[in-house]
Structure formats: C-alpha cells, structure tokens
C-alpha cells in the first residue's frame, strides 16, 4: 500500500469526520482506535486498515467508512461556492481509488474453517425488529443521535422521528448523520416537542417503550418492552404530540 494512499485516508478522515463520529463508527465495527493524547491517531488507524484490509473487521469497516466519506465529500461540494470546491473535487477520485482496493479478492485460506456462529447482540436484535416494519415507523426519542440511524438502517417504510425540543437534543453530528441516512434512500420526517420524557416505538399496530434513546442500543442500561393493554392510549397520545410538534426542515 502506497504512502500516498494512507495520507489520503488520513486527510479525508480529518476533513469529514468529527472525533465523536469516528469513535462511534469504530465502536460499531469493533475496530480498536488508538489515541495520541486525547485525540484519535488517524495515521495509525489508516496504516492498520490499508496494510491489513482483509484482517478481522477491517474490510467491512473500510467499506462503511469510505461510503460515508464519499457522501460527505459530495455534500460539501454541493454546499460550497465553486471557487472553494477544488480540494474536495480532487478528493473524489482519490477516495474511489481506495474503494478499488476493497475489490481485490481476499487470498484463499490454506485450510477452510467453518464460520463461527455469532450470537445476536442487543443492537442487532433491534435492527432485526425494525426490519420487520410493514407500516410507517414512529420513533419518539428524547435525545436521538447519529447511532440511532444504525438501528433504523433496514427500515424501508417512512419514518417519523419525534425528538425533545431543547438546546442539546439535535447536535451537528446528528444532522449530518440524518442527511447521510436520507441520501441512502430513507424517508425521514423530523419534528420536535417540548414535553417529551419517554422513548417509544410504534409500527405494525404494535407499541414498545424503550428505557433510553435507541442510539444506546447495546449498552447495559438499554432495554425495550412491548405494551399491550395501554397500546391504544399511548398511540393516541403520541399521534397528538406529533400533530402539535414543530416540523424541522433540513436540506
């Protein structure tokens, strides 16, 4: 792997990813992130990934990382004046070159071993639950984050996302993640309402209460329980909140 390819990946991560987003992506793909002081060591990460593409989860992580980098690079080009776009336009072919490395076949193993059976994780179970949605999906979330969209990635129905209206409920990383999610073909309507204190999920004429934001799926304090007896009451209440909520327009 050429040094210039490693340099390209380092520059792209620095340009288009915040520390929080990189830590979140590495955590979801079980990639160890080294640090230089309090900051992620982007150079060490790029060297580890590009010199060992077929090792562990590197290939899957690289594919997700490069897809997001391409989307963010194109978004930047669209939102900047033409005279400020040269750097970002030059980045596109360099990222494509890195993507081509992923098309290189993995060397055949000397002796084939049966694949290990992985136990489903709480997050994978939630992803699978959302994938069953045949109707519109409503998610009431006190503090949605970039990780929320990982749980919703297999949803094909329109999504209604109702967040709490306060100063810290929608940070810039969430907005960027929402734009990326929409760019992949998902339909999401976002609204905010002041008086929201619980997390709830509605679809397929069923109702679940979540202990915390779905972005925390997989953490020890996250769990969901289906509501049966009071389903109609909760559904009616949420629909009223949705109608009264402030619609958020994000380009």
C-alpha atoms as a PDB file:
ATOM      1  CA  UNK A   1       0.000   0.000   0.000  1.00  0.00           C
ATOM      2  CA  UNK A   2       1.497   3.330  -1.085  1.00  0.00           C
ATOM      3  CA  UNK A   3       2.206   6.024   1.485  1.00  0.00           C
ATOM      4  CA  UNK A   4       0.107   8.481  -0.567  1.00  0.00           C
ATOM      5  CA  UNK A   5      -2.973   6.267  -0.143  1.00  0.00           C
ATOM      6  CA  UNK A   6      -2.526   6.270   3.625  1.00  0.00           C
ATOM      7  CA  UNK A   7      -2.088  10.055   3.529  1.00  0.00           C
ATOM      8  CA  UNK A   8      -5.316  10.399   1.507  1.00  0.00           C
ATOM      9  CA  UNK A   9      -7.307   8.417   4.061  1.00  0.00           C
ATOM     10  CA  UNK A  10      -5.866  10.424   6.961  1.00  0.00           C
ATOM     11  CA  UNK A  11      -6.741  13.725   5.254  1.00  0.00           C
ATOM     12  CA  UNK A  12     -10.267  12.572   4.424  1.00  0.00           C
ATOM     13  CA  UNK A  13     -10.981  11.436   7.993  1.00  0.00           C
ATOM     14  CA  UNK A  14      -9.622  14.731   9.348  1.00  0.00           C
ATOM     15  CA  UNK A  15     -11.761  16.724   6.907  1.00  0.00           C
ATOM     16  CA  UNK A  16     -15.098  14.956   7.067  1.00  0.00           C
ATOM     17  CA  UNK A  17     -15.344  13.117  10.402  1.00  0.00           C
ATOM     18  CA  UNK A  18     -15.602  14.513  13.917  1.00  0.00           C
ATOM     19  CA  UNK A  19     -13.944  12.655  16.774  1.00  0.00           C
ATOM     20  CA  UNK A  20     -17.329  11.513  18.091  1.00  0.00           C
ATOM     21  CA  UNK A  21     -18.454  10.147  14.720  1.00  0.00           C
ATOM     22  CA  UNK A  22     -15.190   8.259  14.215  1.00  0.00           C
ATOM     23  CA  UNK A  23     -15.350   6.764  17.717  1.00  0.00           C
ATOM     24  CA  UNK A  24     -18.966   5.726  17.122  1.00  0.00           C
ATOM     25  CA  UNK A  25     -18.189   4.097  13.766  1.00  0.00           C
ATOM     26  CA  UNK A  26     -15.155   2.245  15.174  1.00  0.00           C
ATOM     27  CA  UNK A  27     -17.219   1.040  18.128  1.00  0.00           C
ATOM     28  CA  UNK A  28     -19.985  -0.315  15.899  1.00  0.00           C
ATOM     29  CA  UNK A  29     -17.488  -2.254  13.802  1.00  0.00           C
ATOM     30  CA  UNK A  30     -15.315  -3.334  16.746  1.00  0.00           C
ATOM     31  CA  UNK A  31     -12.243  -1.522  15.433  1.00  0.00           C
ATOM     32  CA  UNK A  32      -9.649  -0.516  18.037  1.00  0.00           C
ATOM     33  CA  UNK A  33      -8.953   3.215  17.866  1.00  0.00           C
ATOM     34  CA  UNK A  34      -5.548   4.350  19.162  1.00  0.00           C
ATOM     35  CA  UNK A  35      -5.046   7.833  20.566  1.00  0.00           C
ATOM     36  CA  UNK A  36      -2.326  10.458  20.527  1.00  0.00           C
ATOM     37  CA  UNK A  37      -3.025  12.303  23.765  1.00  0.00           C
ATOM     38  CA  UNK A  38      -6.774  12.870  23.798  1.00  0.00           C
ATOM     39  CA  UNK A  39      -7.191  12.796  20.010  1.00  0.00           C
ATOM     40  CA  UNK A  40      -7.616   9.706  17.790  1.00  0.00           C
ATOM     41  CA  UNK A  41      -4.412   8.707  15.967  1.00  0.00           C
ATOM     42  CA  UNK A  42      -5.703   8.908  12.385  1.00  0.00           C
ATOM     43  CA  UNK A  43      -2.345   7.920  10.889  1.00  0.00           C
ATOM     44  CA  UNK A  44      -2.079   4.723  12.911  1.00  0.00           C
ATOM     45  CA  UNK A  45      -5.697   3.842  12.066  1.00  0.00           C
ATOM     46  CA  UNK A  46      -5.147   4.391   8.317  1.00  0.00           C
ATOM     47  CA  UNK A  47      -1.934   2.331   8.344  1.00  0.00           C
ATOM     48  CA  UNK A  48      -3.621  -0.524  10.195  1.00  0.00           C
ATOM     49  CA  UNK A  49      -6.606  -0.560   7.836  1.00  0.00           C
ATOM     50  CA  UNK A  50      -4.846  -0.207   4.495  1.00  0.00           C
ATOM     51  CA  UNK A  51      -1.983  -2.594   5.236  1.00  0.00           C
ATOM     52  CA  UNK A  52      -4.353  -5.275   6.563  1.00  0.00           C
ATOM     53  CA  UNK A  53      -7.519  -4.847   4.509  1.00  0.00           C
ATOM     54  CA  UNK A  54      -8.570  -8.480   4.935  1.00  0.00           C
ATOM     55  CA  UNK A  55      -7.775  -8.691   8.655  1.00  0.00           C
ATOM     56  CA  UNK A  56     -10.689  -9.005  11.107  1.00  0.00           C
ATOM     57  CA  UNK A  57     -13.389  -6.397  10.551  1.00  0.00           C
ATOM     58  CA  UNK A  58     -11.117  -4.060   8.554  1.00  0.00           C
ATOM     59  CA  UNK A  59     -12.736  -4.670   5.166  1.00  0.00           C
ATOM     60  CA  UNK A  60     -16.292  -4.148   6.428  1.00  0.00           C
ATOM     61  CA  UNK A  61     -15.251  -1.057   8.393  1.00  0.00           C
ATOM     62  CA  UNK A  62     -13.325   0.412   5.443  1.00  0.00           C
ATOM     63  CA  UNK A  63     -16.295  -0.082   3.146  1.00  0.00           C
ATOM     64  CA  UNK A  64     -18.636   1.760   5.556  1.00  0.00           C
ATOM     65  CA  UNK A  65     -16.048   4.481   6.191  1.00  0.00           C
ATOM     66  CA  UNK A  66     -15.345   5.155   2.505  1.00  0.00           C
ATOM     67  CA  UNK A  67     -19.052   5.218   1.623  1.00  0.00           C
ATOM     68  CA  UNK A  68     -19.652   7.872   4.258  1.00  0.00           C
ATOM     69  CA  UNK A  69     -16.570   9.838   3.186  1.00  0.00           C
ATOM     70  CA  UNK A  70     -17.799   9.907  -0.430  1.00  0.00           C
ATOM     71  CA  UNK A  71     -21.261  11.128   0.646  1.00  0.00           C
ATOM     72  CA  UNK A  72     -19.826  13.825   2.899  1.00  0.00           C
ATOM     73  CA  UNK A  73     -17.361  14.958   0.253  1.00  0.00           C
ATOM     74  CA  UNK A  74     -20.148  15.331  -2.324  1.00  0.00           C
ATOM     75  CA  UNK A  75     -22.353  17.155   0.214  1.00  0.00           C
ATOM     76  CA  UNK A  76     -19.504  19.592   0.861  1.00  0.00           C
ATOM     77  CA  UNK A  77     -19.058  20.204  -2.872  1.00  0.00           C
ATOM     78  CA  UNK A  78     -22.767  20.944  -3.280  1.00  0.00           C
ATOM     79  CA  UNK A  79     -22.824  23.394  -0.376  1.00  0.00           C
ATOM     80  CA  UNK A  80     -19.669  25.389  -1.177  1.00  0.00           C
ATOM     81  CA  UNK A  81     -19.072  28.078  -3.817  1.00  0.00           C
ATOM     82  CA  UNK A  82     -17.346  26.816  -6.975  1.00  0.00           C
ATOM     83  CA  UNK A  83     -14.107  28.599  -6.145  1.00  0.00           C
ATOM     84  CA  UNK A  84     -13.834  26.734  -2.813  1.00  0.00           C
ATOM     85  CA  UNK A  85     -14.505  23.263  -4.237  1.00  0.00           C
ATOM     86  CA  UNK A  86     -11.148  22.348  -5.771  1.00  0.00           C
ATOM     87  CA  UNK A  87      -9.792  20.450  -2.766  1.00  0.00           C
ATOM     88  CA  UNK A  88     -12.988  18.443  -2.351  1.00  0.00           C
ATOM     89  CA  UNK A  89     -13.315  17.687  -6.075  1.00  0.00           C
ATOM     90  CA  UNK A  90      -9.747  16.329  -6.091  1.00  0.00           C
ATOM     91  CA  UNK A  91     -10.637  14.143  -3.114  1.00  0.00           C
ATOM     92  CA  UNK A  92     -13.354  12.210  -5.033  1.00  0.00           C
ATOM     93  CA  UNK A  93     -11.002  10.274  -7.407  1.00  0.00           C
ATOM     94  CA  UNK A  94      -8.624   9.557  -4.542  1.00  0.00           C
ATOM     95  CA  UNK A  95     -11.438   8.032  -2.479  1.00  0.00           C
ATOM     96  CA  UNK A  96     -12.540   5.990  -5.496  1.00  0.00           C
ATOM     97  CA  UNK A  97      -9.015   4.633  -5.766  1.00  0.00           C
ATOM     98  CA  UNK A  98      -9.185   3.489  -2.139  1.00  0.00           C
ATOM     99  CA  UNK A  99     -12.555   1.847  -2.816  1.00  0.00           C
ATOM    100  CA  UNK A 100     -10.978  -0.192  -5.624  1.00  0.00           C
ATOM    101  CA  UNK A 101      -8.637  -1.814  -3.116  1.00  0.00           C
ATOM    102  CA  UNK A 102     -11.693  -3.369  -1.493  1.00  0.00           C
ATOM    103  CA  UNK A 103     -12.498  -5.113  -4.804  1.00  0.00           C
ATOM    104  CA  UNK A 104      -9.251  -7.071  -4.614  1.00  0.00           C
ATOM    105  CA  UNK A 105     -10.160 -10.701  -3.848  1.00  0.00           C
ATOM    106  CA  UNK A 106      -9.162 -11.960  -0.437  1.00  0.00           C
ATOM    107  CA  UNK A 107      -6.333 -14.523  -0.662  1.00  0.00           C
ATOM    108  CA  UNK A 108      -7.630 -18.069  -0.388  1.00  0.00           C
ATOM    109  CA  UNK A 109      -7.099 -19.642   3.016  1.00  0.00           C
ATOM    110  CA  UNK A 110      -4.875 -22.697   3.135  1.00  0.00           C
ATOM    111  CA  UNK A 111      -7.467 -24.665   5.027  1.00  0.00           C
ATOM    112  CA  UNK A 112     -11.098 -23.704   5.142  1.00  0.00           C
ATOM    113  CA  UNK A 113     -12.621 -23.463   8.588  1.00  0.00           C
ATOM    114  CA  UNK A 114     -16.355 -23.452   9.277  1.00  0.00           C
ATOM    115  CA  UNK A 115     -17.545 -19.926  10.065  1.00  0.00           C
ATOM    116  CA  UNK A 116     -18.029 -19.204  13.727  1.00  0.00           C
ATOM    117  CA  UNK A 117     -21.618 -18.746  14.817  1.00  0.00           C
ATOM    118  CA  UNK A 118     -22.124 -15.288  16.256  1.00  0.00           C
ATOM    119  CA  UNK A 119     -24.663 -14.689  18.975  1.00  0.00           C
ATOM    120  CA  UNK A 120     -27.049 -11.825  18.195  1.00  0.00           C
ATOM    121  CA  UNK A 121     -26.305  -8.599  20.059  1.00  0.00           C
ATOM    122  CA  UNK A 122     -28.967  -6.309  21.557  1.00  0.00           C
ATOM    123  CA  UNK A 123     -28.353  -3.817  18.746  1.00  0.00           C
ATOM    124  CA  UNK A 124     -28.616  -6.468  16.027  1.00  0.00           C
ATOM    125  CA  UNK A 125     -31.880  -7.659  17.585  1.00  0.00           C
ATOM    126  CA  UNK A 126     -33.241  -4.106  17.460  1.00  0.00           C
ATOM    127  CA  UNK A 127     -32.124  -3.729  13.822  1.00  0.00           C
ATOM    128  CA  UNK A 128     -33.895  -7.003  13.031  1.00  0.00           C
ATOM    129  CA  UNK A 129     -37.043  -5.840  14.850  1.00  0.00           C
ATOM    130  CA  UNK A 130     -37.170  -2.600  12.856  1.00  0.00           C
ATOM    131  CA  UNK A 131     -36.591  -4.553   9.618  1.00  0.00           C
ATOM    132  CA  UNK A 132     -39.998  -6.220  10.099  1.00  0.00           C
ATOM    133  CA  UNK A 133     -41.831  -2.896   9.758  1.00  0.00           C
ATOM    134  CA  UNK A 134     -44.568  -3.021   7.123  1.00  0.00           C
ATOM    135  CA  UNK A 135     -46.159   0.272   8.163  1.00  0.00           C
ATOM    136  CA  UNK A 136     -44.875   3.750   8.907  1.00  0.00           C
ATOM    137  CA  UNK A 137     -42.375   3.716  11.793  1.00  0.00           C
ATOM    138  CA  UNK A 138     -42.707   6.266  14.598  1.00  0.00           C
ATOM    139  CA  UNK A 139     -39.797   6.750  16.998  1.00  0.00           C
ATOM    140  CA  UNK A 140     -40.191   9.053  19.989  1.00  0.00           C
ATOM    141  CA  UNK A 141     -36.674   9.732  21.230  1.00  0.00           C
ATOM    142  CA  UNK A 142     -35.698  12.194  23.953  1.00  0.00           C
ATOM    143  CA  UNK A 143     -32.158  12.597  22.602  1.00  0.00           C
ATOM    144  CA  UNK A 144     -31.586  10.948  19.194  1.00  0.00           C
ATOM    145  CA  UNK A 145     -28.023  10.689  17.936  1.00  0.00           C
ATOM    146  CA  UNK A 146     -26.011   9.518  14.949  1.00  0.00           C
ATOM    147  CA  UNK A 147     -26.197   5.950  16.298  1.00  0.00           C
ATOM    148  CA  UNK A 148     -29.991   6.000  16.060  1.00  0.00           C
ATOM    149  CA  UNK A 149     -29.813   5.606  12.287  1.00  0.00           C
ATOM    150  CA  UNK A 150     -27.705   2.444  12.562  1.00  0.00           C
ATOM    151  CA  UNK A 151     -30.690   0.812  14.276  1.00  0.00           C
ATOM    152  CA  UNK A 152     -33.050   2.044  11.537  1.00  0.00           C
ATOM    153  CA  UNK A 153     -30.866   1.163   8.546  1.00  0.00           C
ATOM    154  CA  UNK A 154     -33.052  -1.767   7.366  1.00  0.00           C
ATOM    155  CA  UNK A 155     -36.345   0.117   7.561  1.00  0.00           C
ATOM    156  CA  UNK A 156     -37.962   0.515   4.145  1.00  0.00           C
ATOM    157  CA  UNK A 157     -41.110   2.335   5.329  1.00  0.00           C
ATOM    158  CA  UNK A 158     -41.316   6.100   6.002  1.00  0.00           C
ATOM    159  CA  UNK A 159     -40.020   7.095   9.436  1.00  0.00           C
ATOM    160  CA  UNK A 160     -41.461   9.712  11.792  1.00  0.00           C
ATOM    161  CA  UNK A 161     -38.868  10.875  14.344  1.00  0.00           C
ATOM    162  CA  UNK A 162     -40.168  12.932  17.263  1.00  0.00           C
ATOM    163  CA  UNK A 163     -37.413  14.465  19.412  1.00  0.00           C
ATOM    164  CA  UNK A 164     -37.480  16.541  22.565  1.00  0.00           C
ATOM    165  CA  UNK A 165     -37.206  20.273  21.940  1.00  0.00           C
ATOM    166  CA  UNK A 166     -34.266  21.581  23.944  1.00  0.00           C
ATOM    167  CA  UNK A 167     -30.879  23.151  23.273  1.00  0.00           C
ATOM    168  CA  UNK A 168     -28.886  19.922  23.175  1.00  0.00           C
ATOM    169  CA  UNK A 169     -31.286  17.469  21.552  1.00  0.00           C
ATOM    170  CA  UNK A 170     -30.033  17.831  17.949  1.00  0.00           C
ATOM    171  CA  UNK A 171     -26.278  18.351  17.582  1.00  0.00           C
ATOM    172  CA  UNK A 172     -24.384  18.869  14.314  1.00  0.00           C
ATOM    173  CA  UNK A 173     -23.293  15.218  14.196  1.00  0.00           C
ATOM    174  CA  UNK A 174     -26.933  14.132  14.316  1.00  0.00           C
ATOM    175  CA  UNK A 175     -27.906  16.487  11.486  1.00  0.00           C
ATOM    176  CA  UNK A 176     -25.010  15.235   9.345  1.00  0.00           C
ATOM    177  CA  UNK A 177     -25.957  11.609  10.081  1.00  0.00           C
ATOM    178  CA  UNK A 178     -29.583  12.353   9.156  1.00  0.00           C
ATOM    179  CA  UNK A 179     -28.530  13.802   5.792  1.00  0.00           C
ATOM    180  CA  UNK A 180     -26.362  10.756   5.104  1.00  0.00           C
ATOM    181  CA  UNK A 181     -29.227   8.435   6.086  1.00  0.00           C
ATOM    182  CA  UNK A 182     -31.607  10.224   3.723  1.00  0.00           C
ATOM    183  CA  UNK A 183     -29.068  10.115   0.913  1.00  0.00           C
ATOM    184  CA  UNK A 184     -29.293   6.301   1.081  1.00  0.00           C
ATOM    185  CA  UNK A 185     -32.968   6.396   0.127  1.00  0.00           C
ATOM    186  CA  UNK A 186     -34.665   6.538   3.537  1.00  0.00           C
ATOM    187  CA  UNK A 187     -37.673   8.804   4.132  1.00  0.00           C
ATOM    188  CA  UNK A 188     -37.496  10.583   7.488  1.00  0.00           C
ATOM    189  CA  UNK A 189     -39.745  13.353   8.836  1.00  0.00           C
ATOM    190  CA  UNK A 190     -38.338  15.109  11.896  1.00  0.00           C
ATOM    191  CA  UNK A 191     -40.357  17.048  14.460  1.00  0.00           C
ATOM    192  CA  UNK A 192     -39.699  18.394  17.967  1.00  0.00           C
ATOM    193  CA  UNK A 193     -41.925  18.853  21.010  1.00  0.00           C
ATOM    194  CA  UNK A 194     -41.111  20.279  24.440  1.00  0.00           C
ATOM    195  CA  UNK A 195     -42.985  17.879  26.715  1.00  0.00           C
ATOM    196  CA  UNK A 196     -41.308  14.540  25.848  1.00  0.00           C
ATOM    197  CA  UNK A 197     -39.870  12.430  28.641  1.00  0.00           C
ATOM    198  CA  UNK A 198     -40.120   8.829  27.353  1.00  0.00           C
ATOM    199  CA  UNK A 199     -38.813   6.871  24.398  1.00  0.00           C
ATOM    200  CA  UNK A 200     -41.335   4.918  22.372  1.00  0.00           C
ATOM    201  CA  UNK A 201     -41.550   2.921  19.114  1.00  0.00           C
ATOM    202  CA  UNK A 202     -44.676   2.364  17.005  1.00  0.00           C
ATOM    203  CA  UNK A 203     -45.204   0.257  13.878  1.00  0.00           C
ATOM    204  CA  UNK A 204     -47.230  -2.725  12.609  1.00  0.00           C
ATOM    205  CA  UNK A 205     -50.020  -1.732  15.067  1.00  0.00           C
ATOM    206  CA  UNK A 206     -47.676  -2.518  17.966  1.00  0.00           C
ATOM    207  CA  UNK A 207     -46.077  -0.358  20.652  1.00  0.00           C
ATOM    208  CA  UNK A 208     -42.809  -0.607  22.603  1.00  0.00           C
ATOM    209  CA  UNK A 209     -41.339   1.532  25.385  1.00  0.00           C
ATOM    210  CA  UNK A 210     -37.563   1.950  25.466  1.00  0.00           C
ATOM    211  CA  UNK A 211     -35.555   2.694  28.597  1.00  0.00           C
ATOM    212  CA  UNK A 212     -33.447   5.292  26.770  1.00  0.00           C
ATOM    213  CA  UNK A 213     -32.595   6.579  23.279  1.00  0.00           C
ATOM    214  CA  UNK A 214     -32.224   3.862  20.643  1.00  0.00           C
ATOM    215  CA  UNK A 215     -28.728   5.226  19.924  1.00  0.00           C
ATOM    216  CA  UNK A 216     -27.771   3.467  23.188  1.00  0.00           C
ATOM    217  CA  UNK A 217     -28.898   0.020  21.986  1.00  0.00           C
ATOM    218  CA  UNK A 218     -26.315  -2.491  23.142  1.00  0.00           C
ATOM    219  CA  UNK A 219     -25.436  -0.649  26.337  1.00  0.00           C
ATOM    220  CA  UNK A 220     -26.218  -2.133  29.723  1.00  0.00           C
ATOM    221  CA  UNK A 221     -28.979   0.369  30.553  1.00  0.00           C
ATOM    222  CA  UNK A 222     -30.913  -0.144  27.297  1.00  0.00           C
ATOM    223  CA  UNK A 223     -33.954  -2.385  27.052  1.00  0.00           C
ATOM    224  CA  UNK A 224     -37.391  -2.309  25.422  1.00  0.00           C
ATOM    225  CA  UNK A 225     -40.705  -3.810  26.468  1.00  0.00           C
ATOM    226  CA  UNK A 226     -43.848  -4.230  24.369  1.00  0.00           C
ATOM    227  CA  UNK A 227     -47.011  -2.530  25.634  1.00  0.00           C
ATOM    228  CA  UNK A 228     -50.277  -4.392  25.087  1.00  0.00           C
ATOM    229  CA  UNK A 229     -53.019  -3.216  27.467  1.00  0.00           C
ATOM    230  CA  UNK A 230     -52.313   0.515  27.099  1.00  0.00           C
ATOM    231  CA  UNK A 231     -51.212   0.439  23.459  1.00  0.00           C
ATOM    232  CA  UNK A 232     -54.182   2.431  22.134  1.00  0.00           C
ATOM    233  CA  UNK A 233     -53.826   5.088  24.823  1.00  0.00           C
ATOM    234  CA  UNK A 234     -50.098   5.557  24.164  1.00  0.00           C
ATOM    235  CA  UNK A 235     -50.544   5.532  20.380  1.00  0.00           C
ATOM    236  CA  UNK A 236     -53.263   8.190  20.597  1.00  0.00           C
ATOM    237  CA  UNK A 237     -51.120  10.345  22.865  1.00  0.00           C
ATOM    238  CA  UNK A 238     -48.112  10.123  20.540  1.00  0.00           C
ATOM    239  CA  UNK A 239     -50.185  10.990  17.470  1.00  0.00           C
ATOM    240  CA  UNK A 240     -51.495  14.105  19.259  1.00  0.00           C
ATOM    241  CA  UNK A 241     -47.941  15.120  20.197  1.00  0.00           C
ATOM    242  CA  UNK A 242     -46.867  14.609  16.589  1.00  0.00           C
ATOM    243  CA  UNK A 243     -49.604  16.872  15.293  1.00  0.00           C
ATOM    244  CA  UNK A 244     -48.687  19.579  17.810  1.00  0.00           C
ATOM    245  CA  UNK A 245     -44.916  19.249  17.299  1.00  0.00           C
ATOM    246  CA  UNK A 246     -42.656  21.658  15.422  1.00  0.00           C
ATOM    247  CA  UNK A 247     -41.626  20.357  11.989  1.00  0.00           C
ATOM    248  CA  UNK A 248     -37.895  20.617  11.325  1.00  0.00           C
ATOM    249  CA  UNK A 249     -36.838  21.213   7.726  1.00  0.00           C
ATOM    250  CA  UNK A 250     -33.305  20.006   6.937  1.00  0.00           C
ATOM    251  CA  UNK A 251     -31.950  20.368   3.423  1.00  0.00           C
END
